[in-house]
Structure formats: C-alpha cells, structure tokens
Amino acid sequence: MRYSGVGLELAGATAGLALVGYWVDRHFGSQPWGFLAGVIIGLVGGLYNLIRESLAAVRDAAAEDKENQRDRE
C-alpha cells in the first residue's frame, strides 16, 4: 500500500509541469519550448522519485527477508 501512489506521482508531476509549460508558452509566446521543458522536467522528477521509492522498497523487502530467516532458525 505504501508504494501504490508512485505511478500517480509520476503522472501528476508530468501533467502539472506540462501545464505550467503551456502557460509559459501562452504568456511569453515561446511555443513549444515551455511545454516541452515542462514535460521533460516532470518526467525526470517523476522518474527520480519512482526509482528512489523502488530502491527503498527493495531495501525494506531485503531487511524483512533477513528478519524472517532469523525467526525461522
């Protein structure tokens, strides 16, 4: 349950920064660069968070496995 929202965070970061980029494009007339920059920054930030949370899940699972092995012995 703890990691179920990570994919939504990726989508939210991408969509949110794409909207900010779209606003920048409309405000400054810089189509399509603001939108593209927003999408790229959102993807990079979202993927960074996804990888960070995945690595934390792997560490937690490994620690739990070690604990379970000690309990069986």
Protein backbone atom coordinates (compact mmCIF):
# COMPACT_ATOMS: atom_id res chain seq x y z
CA MET A 1 0.00 0.00 0.00
CA ARG A 2 2.86 2.32 0.82
CA TYR A 3 4.15 2.48 -2.75
CA SER A 4 0.90 2.32 -4.67
CA GLY A 5 0.78 6.05 -5.45
CA VAL A 6 4.22 6.34 -7.04
CA GLY A 7 2.86 5.93 -10.57
CA LEU A 8 0.26 8.60 -9.92
CA GLU A 9 3.00 10.91 -8.65
CA LEU A 10 4.88 10.39 -11.92
CA ALA A 11 1.78 11.21 -13.96
CA GLY A 12 0.92 14.17 -11.74
CA ALA A 13 4.39 15.68 -11.91
CA THR A 14 4.46 15.31 -15.69
CA ALA A 15 0.97 16.72 -16.21
CA GLY A 16 1.44 19.54 -13.71
CA LEU A 17 4.70 20.76 -15.17
CA ALA A 18 3.34 20.35 -18.71
CA LEU A 19 0.50 22.71 -17.75
CA VAL A 20 2.99 25.19 -16.30
CA GLY A 21 4.98 24.97 -19.53
CA TYR A 22 1.81 25.51 -21.56
CA TRP A 23 1.05 28.62 -19.51
CA VAL A 24 4.59 29.90 -20.07
CA ASP A 25 4.19 29.34 -23.81
CA ARG A 26 0.90 31.25 -23.93
CA HIS A 27 2.21 34.07 -21.72
CA PHE A 28 5.55 34.57 -23.49
CA GLY A 29 4.75 33.17 -26.95
CA SER A 30 7.51 30.59 -26.85
CA GLN A 31 5.64 27.60 -28.34
CA PRO A 32 6.53 24.68 -27.96
CA TRP A 33 9.59 25.12 -25.76
CA GLY A 34 7.89 25.83 -22.44
CA PHE A 35 5.59 22.85 -22.83
CA LEU A 36 8.45 20.55 -23.84
CA ALA A 37 10.63 21.76 -20.98
CA GLY A 38 7.74 21.19 -18.54
CA VAL A 39 7.16 17.65 -19.79
CA ILE A 40 10.87 16.78 -19.66
CA ILE A 41 11.35 18.25 -16.17
CA GLY A 42 8.20 16.48 -14.96
CA LEU A 43 9.35 13.15 -16.37
CA VAL A 44 12.82 13.47 -14.91
CA GLY A 45 11.49 14.45 -11.48
CA GLY A 46 8.81 11.77 -11.53
CA LEU A 47 11.21 9.05 -12.64
CA TYR A 48 13.71 10.12 -9.99
CA ASN A 49 11.01 9.72 -7.34
CA LEU A 50 9.90 6.38 -8.83
CA ILE A 51 13.45 4.99 -8.74
CA ARG A 52 14.08 6.33 -5.23
CA GLU A 53 10.89 4.74 -3.88
CA SER A 54 11.59 1.46 -5.72
CA LEU A 55 15.06 1.21 -4.20
CA ALA A 56 13.61 1.90 -0.76
CA ALA A 57 11.06 -0.89 -1.30
CA VAL A 58 13.84 -3.31 -2.29
CA ARG A 59 15.85 -2.40 0.83
CA ASP A 60 12.78 -2.85 3.05
CA ALA A 61 11.98 -6.22 1.47
CA ALA A 62 15.57 -7.42 1.91
CA ALA A 63 15.55 -6.40 5.57
CA GLU A 64 12.22 -8.14 6.09
CA ASP A 65 13.52 -11.32 4.43
CA LYS A 66 16.58 -11.31 6.68
CA GLU A 67 14.34 -10.90 9.72
CA ASN A 68 12.12 -13.78 8.62
CA GLN A 69 15.15 -16.04 8.07
CA ARG A 70 16.38 -15.30 11.62
CA ASP A 71 12.93 -16.10 13.02
CA ARG A 72 12.88 -19.49 11.25
CA GLU A 73 16.21 -20.56 12.72
